[in-house]
Protein backbone atom coordinates (compact mmCIF):
# COMPACT_ATOMS: atom_id res chain seq x y z
CA MET A 1 -47.41 11.47 -16.39
CA SER A 2 -49.31 13.79 -18.82
CA PHE A 3 -50.40 17.18 -17.29
CA LEU A 4 -53.93 15.74 -18.51
CA ALA A 5 -53.68 12.47 -16.43
CA GLU A 6 -52.45 14.48 -13.36
CA LEU A 7 -55.51 17.06 -13.56
CA LEU A 8 -58.09 14.23 -13.87
CA ILE A 9 -57.07 12.35 -10.93
CA ALA A 10 -56.65 15.78 -9.10
CA LEU A 11 -60.15 16.96 -9.75
CA ALA A 12 -61.71 13.23 -9.03
CA LEU A 13 -59.68 13.63 -5.44
CA VAL A 14 -60.98 17.17 -4.70
CA VAL A 15 -64.62 16.33 -5.59
CA SER A 16 -64.63 12.81 -3.66
CA GLY A 17 -63.07 15.04 -0.87
CA ILE A 18 -65.99 17.50 -1.07
CA PHE A 19 -68.36 14.38 -0.99
CA GLY A 20 -66.71 12.49 1.65
CA PHE A 21 -66.90 16.18 3.45
CA VAL A 22 -69.84 16.63 3.10
CA GLY A 23 -71.56 12.94 3.70
CA SER A 24 -69.13 13.04 7.12
CA TYR A 25 -70.94 16.53 8.38
CA GLY A 26 -73.99 14.84 7.71
CA LEU A 27 -74.09 12.22 9.47
CA ILE A 28 -73.16 14.25 12.58
CA LYS A 29 -75.32 17.31 11.60
CA LEU A 30 -78.54 15.53 10.83
CA LYS A 31 -80.91 14.88 14.08
CA GLY A 32 -83.17 11.46 13.11
CA SER A 33 -81.67 8.11 12.11
CA LEU A 34 -82.94 8.01 9.17
CA GLN A 35 -81.35 11.66 8.21
CA ARG A 36 -78.27 10.29 9.23
CA LEU A 37 -78.21 7.07 7.20
CA HIS A 38 -78.86 9.46 4.16
CA ALA A 39 -76.07 11.11 4.48
CA PRO A 40 -72.93 8.54 4.73
CA THR A 41 -74.95 6.47 1.99
CA LYS A 42 -75.28 8.96 -0.39
CA ALA A 43 -72.30 11.50 -0.53
CA THR A 44 -70.26 9.32 1.10
CA THR A 45 -70.40 6.54 -1.52
CA LEU A 46 -69.75 9.14 -4.11
CA GLY A 47 -66.40 9.92 -2.28
CA VAL A 48 -64.96 6.91 -2.18
CA GLY A 49 -66.50 6.25 -5.55
CA GLY A 50 -64.49 9.13 -6.62
CA VAL A 51 -61.05 7.83 -4.92
CA LEU A 52 -61.45 4.49 -6.65
CA ILE A 53 -61.93 6.36 -10.18
CA ALA A 54 -58.98 8.55 -9.22
CA SER A 55 -56.57 5.51 -8.49
CA MET A 56 -57.74 4.26 -11.82
CA ILE A 57 -57.02 6.69 -13.92
CA PHE A 58 -53.56 7.14 -11.95
CA PHE A 59 -52.30 2.95 -12.69
CA ALA A 60 -53.85 3.31 -16.09
CA ALA A 61 -51.57 6.42 -16.81
CA LYS A 62 -48.86 5.21 -15.00
CA THR A 63 -48.68 1.51 -16.26
CA GLY A 64 -50.64 2.10 -19.62
CA THR A 65 -53.16 -1.06 -18.63
CA LEU A 66 -56.24 -0.64 -17.20
CA SER A 67 -57.04 -1.98 -13.99
CA VAL A 68 -60.51 -3.64 -13.66
CA HIS A 69 -60.04 -4.15 -9.39
CA GLU A 70 -60.89 -0.61 -8.61
CA LEU A 71 -63.86 -0.48 -11.85
CA LEU A 72 -65.30 -3.92 -9.58
CA ILE A 73 -64.81 -2.24 -6.09
CA THR A 74 -66.78 0.90 -7.41
CA LEU A 75 -69.86 -0.97 -8.92
CA PHE A 76 -70.05 -3.17 -5.89
CA LEU A 77 -70.12 -0.07 -3.65
CA PHE A 78 -72.45 1.80 -5.62
CA LEU A 79 -74.88 -1.31 -6.02
CA THR A 80 -74.33 -2.33 -2.13
CA ALA A 81 -74.90 0.62 -0.30
CA PRO A 82 -78.05 1.54 -1.19
CA ILE A 83 -79.64 -1.63 -1.05
CA THR A 84 -77.81 -2.17 2.43
CA ALA A 85 -79.35 2.18 3.31
CA ASN A 86 -83.23 0.41 2.29
CA PHE A 87 -82.83 -2.45 4.66
CA ILE A 88 -81.62 -0.25 7.42
CA ALA A 89 -84.68 2.18 6.89
CA LYS A 90 -87.03 -0.57 7.10
CA THR A 91 -85.97 -2.53 10.14
CA TYR A 92 -86.08 1.11 11.82
CA MET A 93 -89.44 1.71 10.64
CA ALA A 94 -90.52 -2.06 11.12
CA ARG A 95 -89.15 -1.51 14.92
CA ASN A 96 -89.71 2.01 16.19
CA MET A 97 -93.41 2.66 14.26
CA ARG A 98 -96.55 1.52 15.86
CA ARG A 99 -98.71 -0.89 13.81
CA SER A 100 -101.20 1.69 13.10
CA GLU A 101 -98.87 4.13 11.51
CA LEU A 102 -97.75 1.73 9.12
CA PRO A 103 -99.46 2.23 5.55
CA GLU A 104 -101.43 -0.73 4.48
CA ASN A 105 -100.56 -2.72 0.71
CA GLU A 106 -103.05 -4.92 -0.85
CA ALA A 107 -102.35 -7.60 1.34
CA GLY A 108 -102.96 -5.89 4.19
CA SER A 109 -100.28 -6.10 6.39
CA GLY A 110 -97.66 -3.30 6.70
CA TRP A 111 -95.32 -1.77 4.59
CA SER A 112 -92.28 -3.75 3.46
CA VAL A 113 -92.85 -5.72 6.52
CA TYR A 114 -93.68 -9.58 6.48
CA ASP A 115 -96.54 -10.62 8.40
CA ASP A 116 -97.66 -14.12 9.05
CA PRO A 117 -101.23 -15.19 8.60
CA PRO A 118 -103.52 -15.11 11.34
CA GLY A 119 -103.30 -17.84 13.49
CA ARG A 120 -100.10 -18.82 12.15
CA GLY A 121 -97.79 -16.33 14.32
CA ASP A 122 -96.62 -17.40 17.78
CA GLU A 123 -97.68 -18.55 20.50
CA THR A 124 -97.21 -16.00 22.74
CA GLY A 125 -98.17 -13.19 20.37
CA VAL A 126 -94.72 -11.56 20.22
CA ARG A 127 -92.78 -11.41 16.67
């Protein structure tokens, strides 16, 4: 394996390790639930992506063929982690904020929360 490939692999692993450490540290030290959600979804996602890219470079340098599996895993991770965090944040806001704190949209319903039209809710009034 060439020196350049080893240097790129080492650089990718060091950078991903730093991102992973920052994400883990943020998960422990940040106070609010939404702040703690931000650290692993952003920093740790980049850390895992860096490890997968380092693995892709290693196998490309070792075998001479491009491994698409790591690239697909990285793409899937980068697409799903922010969307999942967004849904978790919306659920947290919908469950823990009073209705008066939610900003109104054009339809008159709460922020990103599905509201039944008047008269179509539960018989008990609980949603």
